[in-house]
C-alpha atoms as a PDB file:
ATOM      1  CA  MET A   1     110.534 114.054 102.775  1.00  0.00           C
ATOM      2  CA  LYS A   2     108.484 111.593 100.691  1.00  0.00           C
ATOM      3  CA  LYS A   3     111.474 110.725  98.548  1.00  0.00           C
ATOM      4  CA  PHE A   4     113.634 110.000 101.607  1.00  0.00           C
ATOM      5  CA  LEU A   5     110.868 107.914 103.212  1.00  0.00           C
ATOM      6  CA  ARG A   6     110.427 105.961 100.000  1.00  0.00           C
ATOM      7  CA  ILE A   7     114.160 105.174  99.851  1.00  0.00           C
ATOM      8  CA  VAL A   8     114.269 104.081 103.498  1.00  0.00           C
ATOM      9  CA  LEU A   9     111.211 101.850 103.160  1.00  0.00           C
ATOM     10  CA  THR A  10     112.613 100.325  99.980  1.00  0.00           C
ATOM     11  CA  ILE A  11     115.877  99.483 101.744  1.00  0.00           C
ATOM     12  CA  LEU A  12     113.965  98.005 104.685  1.00  0.00           C
ATOM     13  CA  MET A  13     111.788  95.987 102.315  1.00  0.00           C
ATOM     14  CA  TYR A  14     114.857  94.440 100.700  1.00  0.00           C
ATOM     15  CA  ALA A  15     116.361  93.858 104.146  1.00  0.00           C
ATOM     16  CA  GLY A  16     113.250  91.828 104.973  1.00  0.00           C
ATOM     17  CA  VAL A  17     113.802  89.764 101.847  1.00  0.00           C
ATOM     18  CA  LEU A  18     117.407  89.208 102.928  1.00  0.00           C
ATOM     19  CA  VAL A  19     116.254  88.038 106.378  1.00  0.00           C
ATOM     20  CA  PHE A  20     113.837  85.702 104.615  1.00  0.00           C
ATOM     21  CA  LEU A  21     116.694  84.220 102.592  1.00  0.00           C
ATOM     22  CA  ILE A  22     119.107  83.672 105.523  1.00  0.00           C
ATOM     23  CA  PRO A  23     117.990  80.064 106.126  1.00  0.00           C
ATOM     24  CA  TYR A  24     118.617  79.212 102.479  1.00  0.00           C
ATOM     25  CA  PHE A  25     122.145  80.608 102.627  1.00  0.00           C
ATOM     26  CA  ARG A  26     122.897  78.805 105.890  1.00  0.00           C
ATOM     27  CA  GLY A  27     121.299  75.554 104.809  1.00  0.00           C
ATOM     28  CA  THR A  28     119.162  75.221 107.950  1.00  0.00           C
ATOM     29  CA  ILE A  29     115.670  75.626 106.595  1.00  0.00           C
ATOM     30  CA  THR A  30     113.939  73.407 109.156  1.00  0.00           C
ATOM     31  CA  GLU A  31     115.578  75.093 112.133  1.00  0.00           C
ATOM     32  CA  SER A  32     115.068  78.682 110.997  1.00  0.00           C
ATOM     33  CA  ILE A  33     111.356  78.961 110.306  1.00  0.00           C
ATOM     34  CA  ILE A  34     111.229  82.145 112.412  1.00  0.00           C
ATOM     35  CA  PHE A  35     113.534  83.891 109.913  1.00  0.00           C
ATOM     36  CA  LEU A  36     111.182  82.945 107.102  1.00  0.00           C
ATOM     37  CA  ILE A  37     108.131  84.274 108.914  1.00  0.00           C
ATOM     38  CA  LEU A  38     109.767  87.473 110.172  1.00  0.00           C
ATOM     39  CA  GLY A  39     111.498  88.240 106.878  1.00  0.00           C
ATOM     40  CA  ALA A  40     108.394  87.752 104.770  1.00  0.00           C
ATOM     41  CA  GLY A  41     106.218  89.703 107.203  1.00  0.00           C
ATOM     42  CA  PHE A  42     108.684  92.583 107.426  1.00  0.00           C
ATOM     43  CA  ALA A  43     109.069  92.776 103.638  1.00  0.00           C
ATOM     44  CA  VAL A  44     105.295  92.832 103.129  1.00  0.00           C
ATOM     45  CA  LEU A  45     104.800  95.423 105.891  1.00  0.00           C
ATOM     46  CA  CYS A  46     107.463  97.748 104.491  1.00  0.00           C
ATOM     47  CA  GLY A  47     106.128  97.290 100.963  1.00  0.00           C
ATOM     48  CA  LEU A  48     102.611  98.202 102.018  1.00  0.00           C
ATOM     49  CA  LEU A  49     103.826 101.181 104.048  1.00  0.00           C
ATOM     50  CA  ARG A  50     105.869 102.352 101.077  1.00  0.00           C
ATOM     51  CA  CYS A  51     102.826 102.077  98.861  1.00  0.00           C
ATOM     52  CA  TYR A  52     100.419 103.866 101.192  1.00  0.00           C
ATOM     53  CA  LEU A  53     102.767 106.563 102.502  1.00  0.00           C
ATOM     54  CA  THR A  54     104.707 107.559  99.397  1.00  0.00           C
ATOM     55  CA  GLU A  55     102.853 106.557  96.256  1.00  0.00           C
ATOM     56  CA  GLY A  56      99.244 107.215  97.188  1.00  0.00           C
ATOM     57  CA  ASP A  57      97.730 105.012  94.498  1.00  0.00           C
ATOM     58  CA  CYS A  58      97.039 101.868  96.510  1.00  0.00           C
ATOM     59  CA  GLY A  59      93.287 102.310  96.806  1.00  0.00           C
ATOM     60  CA  ARG A  60      90.602 100.701  94.713  1.00  0.00           C
ATOM     61  CA  ILE A  61      90.598 101.508  91.054  1.00  0.00           C
ATOM     62  CA  THR A  62      87.395 103.216  90.014  1.00  0.00           C
ATOM     63  CA  HIS A  63      85.841 101.942  86.826  1.00  0.00           C
ATOM     64  CA  THR A  64      84.812 104.615  84.385  1.00  0.00           C
ATOM     65  CA  GLY A  65      83.046 102.398  81.913  1.00  0.00           C
ATOM     66  CA  ARG A  66      82.133  98.838  81.219  1.00  0.00           C
ATOM     67  CA  ASP A  67      84.364  96.278  82.860  1.00  0.00           C
ATOM     68  CA  TRP A  68      84.831  93.828  80.020  1.00  0.00           C
END
């Protein structure tokens, strides 16, 4: 189930990037600011969900020694 969820969230993440790029392909950047906001937000949301739900290593990194 995790593998399937990871694939779906990856596809949705790239779909968000595609929505973000629609104004650039159409050449109407000033008129399509909503596509930029929605596409970027959707890509970030799906990326974070993919990280937290399937990979499990998105928490803080514990330091085991000196941090230098």
